[in-house]
């Protein structure tokens, strides 16, 4: 069963359907690097953090440089 989440893309959140229900599975499904920091509903998340329909999810790679 697909879960509809809102993923930060650019300056806004975009509804996205995923099969994942936790951050670890979402990393594999969306190709999120293990080094990236992930937040769910504004809180720092670990791989075991679960989420459901309507959750706001964002991630940032920790190795970004430049301005």
N, C-alpha and C. Protein backbone atom coordinates (compact mmCIF):
# COMPACT_ATOMS: atom_id res chain seq x y z
N UNK A 1 0.84 -1.19 0.00
CA UNK A 1 0.00 0.00 0.00
C UNK A 1 0.88 1.24 0.00
N UNK A 2 0.63 2.12 -0.91
CA UNK A 2 1.46 3.32 -1.05
C UNK A 2 1.12 4.34 0.03
N UNK A 3 2.16 5.07 0.44
CA UNK A 3 2.02 6.14 1.41
C UNK A 3 2.28 7.45 0.67
N UNK A 4 1.46 8.46 0.90
CA UNK A 4 1.65 9.76 0.27
C UNK A 4 2.33 10.68 1.27
N UNK A 5 3.54 11.11 0.93
CA UNK A 5 4.30 12.01 1.78
C UNK A 5 4.55 13.30 1.01
N UNK A 6 5.04 14.31 1.71
CA UNK A 6 5.42 15.56 1.06
C UNK A 6 6.92 15.71 1.20
N UNK A 7 7.63 15.74 0.07
CA UNK A 7 9.08 15.79 0.04
C UNK A 7 9.52 17.19 -0.37
N UNK A 8 10.50 17.72 0.35
CA UNK A 8 11.02 19.05 0.03
C UNK A 8 11.82 18.97 -1.27
N UNK A 9 11.36 19.73 -2.25
CA UNK A 9 12.05 19.82 -3.54
C UNK A 9 12.18 21.30 -3.86
N UNK A 10 13.40 21.81 -3.88
CA UNK A 10 13.59 23.24 -4.12
C UNK A 10 13.08 24.04 -2.93
N UNK A 11 12.11 24.90 -3.18
CA UNK A 11 11.61 25.76 -2.10
C UNK A 11 10.25 25.34 -1.56
N UNK A 12 9.74 24.17 -1.99
CA UNK A 12 8.43 23.74 -1.51
C UNK A 12 8.33 22.23 -1.39
N UNK A 13 7.22 21.80 -0.79
CA UNK A 13 6.98 20.37 -0.61
C UNK A 13 6.11 19.85 -1.74
N UNK A 14 6.48 18.69 -2.27
CA UNK A 14 5.78 18.05 -3.39
C UNK A 14 5.23 16.71 -2.92
N UNK A 15 3.94 16.47 -3.16
CA UNK A 15 3.36 15.18 -2.80
C UNK A 15 4.01 14.07 -3.62
N UNK A 16 4.41 13.01 -2.93
CA UNK A 16 5.10 11.89 -3.55
C UNK A 16 4.56 10.60 -2.97
N UNK A 17 4.26 9.62 -3.80
CA UNK A 17 3.82 8.32 -3.30
C UNK A 17 5.01 7.40 -3.19
N UNK A 18 5.15 6.74 -2.03
CA UNK A 18 6.24 5.82 -1.80
C UNK A 18 5.69 4.54 -1.19
N UNK A 19 6.47 3.48 -1.25
CA UNK A 19 6.10 2.22 -0.61
C UNK A 19 6.71 2.10 0.78
N UNK A 20 7.63 3.00 1.11
CA UNK A 20 8.33 2.96 2.38
C UNK A 20 7.44 3.44 3.52
N UNK A 21 7.77 2.97 4.74
CA UNK A 21 7.07 3.45 5.94
C UNK A 21 8.07 3.89 7.01
N UNK A 22 9.37 3.81 6.69
CA UNK A 22 10.39 4.30 7.62
C UNK A 22 11.55 4.89 6.81
N UNK A 23 12.38 5.65 7.49
CA UNK A 23 13.46 6.38 6.81
C UNK A 23 14.45 5.44 6.14
N UNK A 24 14.80 4.33 6.76
CA UNK A 24 15.76 3.39 6.17
C UNK A 24 15.29 2.87 4.82
N UNK A 25 14.02 2.48 4.75
CA UNK A 25 13.47 2.00 3.48
C UNK A 25 13.37 3.13 2.47
N UNK A 26 13.04 4.34 2.95
CA UNK A 26 12.95 5.49 2.05
C UNK A 26 14.31 5.82 1.44
N UNK A 27 15.38 5.67 2.21
CA UNK A 27 16.73 5.90 1.68
C UNK A 27 16.97 5.02 0.46
N UNK A 28 16.60 3.74 0.55
CA UNK A 28 16.80 2.82 -0.56
C UNK A 28 15.88 3.16 -1.73
N UNK A 29 14.64 3.48 -1.45
CA UNK A 29 13.66 3.75 -2.51
C UNK A 29 13.96 5.05 -3.27
N UNK A 30 14.42 6.07 -2.56
CA UNK A 30 14.65 7.38 -3.18
C UNK A 30 16.13 7.67 -3.42
N UNK A 31 16.99 6.68 -3.23
CA UNK A 31 18.44 6.85 -3.41
C UNK A 31 19.00 7.99 -2.57
N UNK A 32 18.60 8.03 -1.30
CA UNK A 32 19.11 9.04 -0.36
C UNK A 32 20.41 8.51 0.22
N UNK A 33 21.51 9.22 0.08
CA UNK A 33 22.80 8.73 0.59
C UNK A 33 22.78 8.49 2.10
N UNK A 34 23.54 7.52 2.55
CA UNK A 34 23.64 7.23 3.98
C UNK A 34 24.20 8.41 4.75
N UNK A 35 24.97 9.27 4.08
CA UNK A 35 25.56 10.43 4.74
C UNK A 35 24.59 11.61 4.86
N UNK A 36 23.43 11.52 4.22
CA UNK A 36 22.47 12.62 4.24
C UNK A 36 21.72 12.66 5.57
N UNK A 37 21.45 13.87 6.05
CA UNK A 37 20.61 14.07 7.23
C UNK A 37 19.16 14.15 6.77
N UNK A 38 18.29 13.42 7.48
CA UNK A 38 16.88 13.36 7.11
C UNK A 38 16.04 13.90 8.26
N UNK A 39 14.99 14.65 7.92
CA UNK A 39 14.04 15.09 8.94
C UNK A 39 12.64 14.67 8.54
N UNK A 40 11.85 14.32 9.54
CA UNK A 40 10.45 13.95 9.35
C UNK A 40 9.62 14.89 10.22
N UNK A 41 8.76 15.65 9.58
CA UNK A 41 7.91 16.62 10.29
C UNK A 41 8.73 17.57 11.15
N UNK A 42 9.89 17.98 10.63
CA UNK A 42 10.72 18.97 11.30
C UNK A 42 11.63 18.43 12.39
N UNK A 43 11.64 17.13 12.60
CA UNK A 43 12.48 16.50 13.63
C UNK A 43 13.56 15.65 12.97
N UNK A 44 14.77 15.68 13.53
CA UNK A 44 15.83 14.81 13.02
C UNK A 44 15.36 13.36 13.09
N UNK A 45 15.70 12.59 12.06
CA UNK A 45 15.22 11.22 11.97
C UNK A 45 16.38 10.25 11.77
N UNK A 46 16.20 9.03 12.27
CA UNK A 46 17.14 7.94 12.06
C UNK A 46 16.45 6.91 11.17
N UNK A 47 17.19 5.90 10.73
CA UNK A 47 16.63 4.92 9.79
C UNK A 47 15.37 4.23 10.30
N UNK A 48 15.24 4.07 11.61
CA UNK A 48 14.07 3.38 12.15
C UNK A 48 12.86 4.30 12.35
N UNK A 49 13.02 5.60 12.08
CA UNK A 49 11.91 6.54 12.25
C UNK A 49 10.81 6.22 11.25
N UNK A 50 9.61 6.03 11.76
CA UNK A 50 8.47 5.72 10.90
C UNK A 50 7.71 7.00 10.54
N UNK A 51 7.00 6.95 9.41
CA UNK A 51 6.19 8.08 8.96
C UNK A 51 4.94 7.55 8.29
N UNK A 52 3.96 8.41 8.12
CA UNK A 52 2.71 8.00 7.49
C UNK A 52 2.24 9.03 6.48
N UNK A 53 1.02 8.85 6.01
CA UNK A 53 0.44 9.77 5.03
C UNK A 53 0.52 11.20 5.53
N UNK A 54 0.92 12.09 4.64
CA UNK A 54 0.97 13.51 4.95
C UNK A 54 2.23 13.98 5.65
N UNK A 55 3.16 13.07 5.95
CA UNK A 55 4.40 13.47 6.62
C UNK A 55 5.23 14.37 5.73
N UNK A 56 5.88 15.35 6.34
CA UNK A 56 6.79 16.25 5.64
C UNK A 56 8.20 15.71 5.80
N UNK A 57 8.88 15.42 4.69
CA UNK A 57 10.20 14.81 4.74
C UNK A 57 11.18 15.62 3.91
N UNK A 58 12.35 15.86 4.51
CA UNK A 58 13.40 16.61 3.82
C UNK A 58 14.73 15.96 4.14
N UNK A 59 15.69 16.10 3.21
CA UNK A 59 17.03 15.60 3.47
C UNK A 59 18.06 16.51 2.82
N UNK A 60 19.25 16.49 3.40
CA UNK A 60 20.36 17.28 2.85
C UNK A 60 21.63 16.45 2.95
N UNK A 61 22.41 16.48 1.87
CA UNK A 61 23.70 15.78 1.89
C UNK A 61 24.68 16.55 2.72
N UNK A 62 25.42 15.86 3.56
CA UNK A 62 26.37 16.51 4.47
C UNK A 62 27.66 16.90 3.79
N UNK A 63 27.88 16.46 2.57
CA UNK A 63 29.15 16.74 1.89
C UNK A 63 29.03 17.89 0.90
N UNK A 64 28.00 18.71 1.01
CA UNK A 64 27.82 19.84 0.09
C UNK A 64 28.84 20.93 0.41
N UNK A 65 29.38 21.54 -0.64
CA UNK A 65 30.32 22.65 -0.47
C UNK A 65 29.93 23.76 -1.44
N UNK A 66 30.46 24.91 -1.22
CA UNK A 66 30.18 26.01 -2.13
C UNK A 66 29.11 26.92 -1.59
N UNK A 67 28.65 27.84 -2.43
CA UNK A 67 27.66 28.80 -1.96
C UNK A 67 26.53 29.00 -2.88
